[in-house]
N, C-alpha and C. Protein backbone atom coordinates (compact mmCIF):
# COMPACT_ATOMS: atom_id res chain seq x y z
N MET A 1 25.66 5.07 -1.84
CA MET A 1 24.54 5.86 -1.31
C MET A 1 23.62 6.29 -2.43
N ASP A 2 22.39 6.57 -2.06
CA ASP A 2 21.40 7.02 -3.00
C ASP A 2 21.80 8.42 -3.55
N LYS A 3 21.59 8.59 -4.84
CA LYS A 3 21.92 9.87 -5.49
C LYS A 3 21.12 11.05 -4.86
N ASP A 4 19.79 10.84 -4.62
CA ASP A 4 19.01 11.88 -4.00
C ASP A 4 19.54 12.23 -2.62
N TYR A 5 20.01 11.20 -1.90
CA TYR A 5 20.55 11.45 -0.57
C TYR A 5 21.79 12.33 -0.61
N ASN A 6 22.65 12.06 -1.57
CA ASN A 6 23.88 12.85 -1.68
C ASN A 6 23.58 14.25 -2.19
N MET A 7 22.68 14.36 -3.16
CA MET A 7 22.41 15.58 -3.80
C MET A 7 21.62 16.58 -2.90
N TRP A 8 20.65 16.09 -2.15
CA TRP A 8 19.75 16.96 -1.43
C TRP A 8 19.96 16.92 0.13
N GLY A 9 20.62 15.99 0.59
CA GLY A 9 20.85 15.89 2.00
C GLY A 9 19.83 14.94 2.69
N SER A 10 20.12 14.56 3.90
CA SER A 10 19.25 13.62 4.54
C SER A 10 17.85 14.14 4.86
N GLY A 11 17.72 15.41 5.15
CA GLY A 11 16.43 15.99 5.43
C GLY A 11 15.41 15.85 4.27
N PHE A 12 15.91 16.12 3.07
CA PHE A 12 15.05 15.97 1.89
C PHE A 12 14.69 14.52 1.66
N TRP A 13 15.66 13.60 1.81
CA TRP A 13 15.43 12.20 1.59
C TRP A 13 14.41 11.66 2.54
N MET A 14 14.51 12.02 3.82
CA MET A 14 13.58 11.55 4.80
C MET A 14 12.20 12.15 4.60
N GLU A 15 12.09 13.39 4.20
CA GLU A 15 10.84 14.05 3.93
C GLU A 15 10.16 13.39 2.75
N LYS A 16 10.94 13.09 1.70
CA LYS A 16 10.42 12.45 0.50
C LYS A 16 9.85 11.10 0.83
N ASN A 17 10.57 10.28 1.60
CA ASN A 17 10.11 8.94 1.98
C ASN A 17 8.87 9.02 2.90
N THR A 18 8.85 9.96 3.80
CA THR A 18 7.73 10.10 4.69
C THR A 18 6.47 10.46 3.88
N THR A 19 6.58 11.35 2.89
CA THR A 19 5.48 11.73 2.01
C THR A 19 4.96 10.54 1.28
N ILE A 20 5.84 9.71 0.75
CA ILE A 20 5.46 8.58 0.00
C ILE A 20 4.72 7.58 0.92
N GLU A 21 5.23 7.34 2.11
CA GLU A 21 4.60 6.42 3.05
C GLU A 21 3.20 6.97 3.49
N LEU A 22 3.10 8.29 3.68
CA LEU A 22 1.79 8.82 4.04
C LEU A 22 0.80 8.67 2.90
N GLN A 23 1.26 8.90 1.68
CA GLN A 23 0.36 8.69 0.55
C GLN A 23 -0.11 7.21 0.47
N GLN A 24 0.76 6.29 0.72
CA GLN A 24 0.40 4.88 0.69
C GLN A 24 -0.60 4.59 1.88
N LEU A 25 -0.38 5.17 3.01
CA LEU A 25 -1.23 4.98 4.12
C LEU A 25 -2.65 5.53 3.86
N ILE A 26 -2.73 6.63 3.24
CA ILE A 26 -4.01 7.25 2.82
C ILE A 26 -4.73 6.33 1.85
N GLN A 27 -3.98 5.81 0.86
CA GLN A 27 -4.64 4.93 -0.09
C GLN A 27 -5.12 3.64 0.55
N LEU A 28 -4.30 3.10 1.45
CA LEU A 28 -4.74 1.88 2.11
C LEU A 28 -5.94 2.12 3.05
N THR A 29 -6.00 3.28 3.65
CA THR A 29 -7.13 3.60 4.52
C THR A 29 -8.38 3.76 3.67
N GLN A 30 -8.26 4.40 2.49
CA GLN A 30 -9.42 4.52 1.62
C GLN A 30 -9.96 3.13 1.18
N LYS A 31 -9.03 2.21 0.87
CA LYS A 31 -9.43 0.88 0.47
C LYS A 31 -10.10 0.15 1.63
N PHE A 32 -9.54 0.35 2.81
CA PHE A 32 -10.12 -0.27 4.03
C PHE A 32 -11.54 0.21 4.26
N LEU A 33 -11.75 1.53 4.15
CA LEU A 33 -13.08 2.11 4.33
C LEU A 33 -14.07 1.61 3.28
N THR A 34 -13.64 1.52 2.08
CA THR A 34 -14.49 1.05 1.02
C THR A 34 -14.87 -0.43 1.25
N PHE A 35 -13.86 -1.22 1.64
CA PHE A 35 -14.10 -2.63 1.91
C PHE A 35 -15.09 -2.83 3.06
N THR A 36 -14.86 -2.11 4.17
CA THR A 36 -15.71 -2.29 5.36
C THR A 36 -17.13 -1.80 5.03
N GLN A 37 -17.21 -0.75 4.26
CA GLN A 37 -18.57 -0.24 3.80
C GLN A 37 -19.30 -1.30 2.98
N SER A 38 -18.54 -1.98 2.10
CA SER A 38 -19.20 -3.02 1.26
C SER A 38 -19.61 -4.18 2.13
N LEU A 39 -18.86 -4.56 3.15
CA LEU A 39 -19.24 -5.61 4.01
C LEU A 39 -20.50 -5.25 4.76
N LEU A 40 -20.60 -4.07 5.19
CA LEU A 40 -21.80 -3.56 5.87
C LEU A 40 -23.03 -3.64 4.96
N GLU A 41 -22.86 -3.11 3.73
CA GLU A 41 -23.97 -3.07 2.81
C GLU A 41 -24.42 -4.47 2.40
N LYS A 42 -23.49 -5.47 2.34
CA LYS A 42 -23.87 -6.85 1.98
C LYS A 42 -24.45 -7.56 3.18
N GLY A 43 -24.33 -7.03 4.32
CA GLY A 43 -24.85 -7.70 5.54
C GLY A 43 -23.86 -8.71 6.13
N SER A 44 -22.60 -8.62 5.66
CA SER A 44 -21.57 -9.55 6.17
C SER A 44 -21.15 -9.17 7.59
N ILE A 45 -21.26 -7.92 7.91
CA ILE A 45 -20.95 -7.44 9.25
C ILE A 45 -22.09 -6.60 9.75
N THR A 46 -22.19 -6.42 11.04
CA THR A 46 -23.26 -5.62 11.66
C THR A 46 -22.76 -4.15 11.69
N GLN A 47 -23.73 -3.30 12.00
CA GLN A 47 -23.41 -1.91 12.18
C GLN A 47 -22.40 -1.73 13.31
N ASP A 48 -22.60 -2.47 14.43
CA ASP A 48 -21.68 -2.42 15.57
C ASP A 48 -20.27 -2.84 15.15
N GLN A 49 -20.18 -3.93 14.41
CA GLN A 49 -18.87 -4.40 13.92
C GLN A 49 -18.17 -3.31 13.03
N TYR A 50 -18.97 -2.70 12.18
CA TYR A 50 -18.45 -1.65 11.30
C TYR A 50 -17.93 -0.50 12.13
N ILE A 51 -18.66 -0.07 13.13
CA ILE A 51 -18.27 1.03 13.95
C ILE A 51 -16.97 0.73 14.70
N LYS A 52 -16.86 -0.50 15.22
CA LYS A 52 -15.67 -0.93 15.96
C LYS A 52 -14.46 -0.94 15.02
N MET A 53 -14.67 -1.47 13.83
CA MET A 53 -13.54 -1.54 12.89
C MET A 53 -13.06 -0.13 12.50
N THR A 54 -13.97 0.75 12.21
CA THR A 54 -13.60 2.11 11.80
C THR A 54 -12.98 2.90 12.99
N GLU A 55 -13.49 2.64 14.16
CA GLU A 55 -12.94 3.31 15.36
C GLU A 55 -11.52 2.84 15.63
N GLN A 56 -11.27 1.56 15.40
CA GLN A 56 -9.90 1.00 15.55
C GLN A 56 -8.97 1.62 14.57
N LYS A 57 -9.44 1.80 13.35
CA LYS A 57 -8.63 2.42 12.28
C LYS A 57 -8.31 3.87 12.62
N LEU A 58 -9.33 4.58 13.12
CA LEU A 58 -9.15 5.97 13.51
C LEU A 58 -8.11 6.06 14.67
N HIS A 59 -8.24 5.18 15.62
CA HIS A 59 -7.26 5.15 16.74
C HIS A 59 -5.85 4.89 16.19
N PHE A 60 -5.72 4.01 15.28
CA PHE A 60 -4.39 3.72 14.63
C PHE A 60 -3.84 4.95 13.95
N LEU A 61 -4.70 5.62 13.18
CA LEU A 61 -4.29 6.80 12.46
C LEU A 61 -3.89 7.92 13.40
N GLU A 62 -4.59 8.07 14.47
CA GLU A 62 -4.20 9.06 15.50
C GLU A 62 -2.86 8.80 16.10
N LYS A 63 -2.55 7.49 16.30
CA LYS A 63 -1.18 7.15 16.83
C LYS A 63 -0.15 7.50 15.81
N VAL A 64 -0.38 7.22 14.52
CA VAL A 64 0.54 7.58 13.47
C VAL A 64 0.78 9.08 13.45
N LYS A 65 -0.34 9.84 13.49
CA LYS A 65 -0.22 11.30 13.49
C LYS A 65 0.62 11.78 14.69
N THR A 66 0.39 11.26 15.84
CA THR A 66 1.16 11.63 17.03
C THR A 66 2.62 11.32 16.83
N GLY A 67 2.91 10.15 16.22
CA GLY A 67 4.32 9.79 15.97
C GLY A 67 4.96 10.71 15.02
N ILE A 68 4.28 11.17 14.03
CA ILE A 68 4.83 12.10 13.02
C ILE A 68 5.07 13.47 13.61
N GLU A 69 4.08 13.95 14.39
CA GLU A 69 4.25 15.26 14.96
C GLU A 69 5.23 15.24 16.13
N GLY A 70 5.42 14.08 16.69
CA GLY A 70 6.34 13.71 17.77
C GLY A 70 6.85 14.74 18.58
């Protein structure tokens, strides 16, 4: 078993992993928003496509939040 798991208990281990996963999700979301913004600025996508993409991302994040708050 993992040393942190034995030393701190399962609650700490799960909280630590959840925090790391949330940080990764935030970073990925920031990259996604930067990428979609650049596509919009270059004219590769329309304003409507940009709105749909960001709305879908927001919907996904709301589902994640609901799952965490559970």
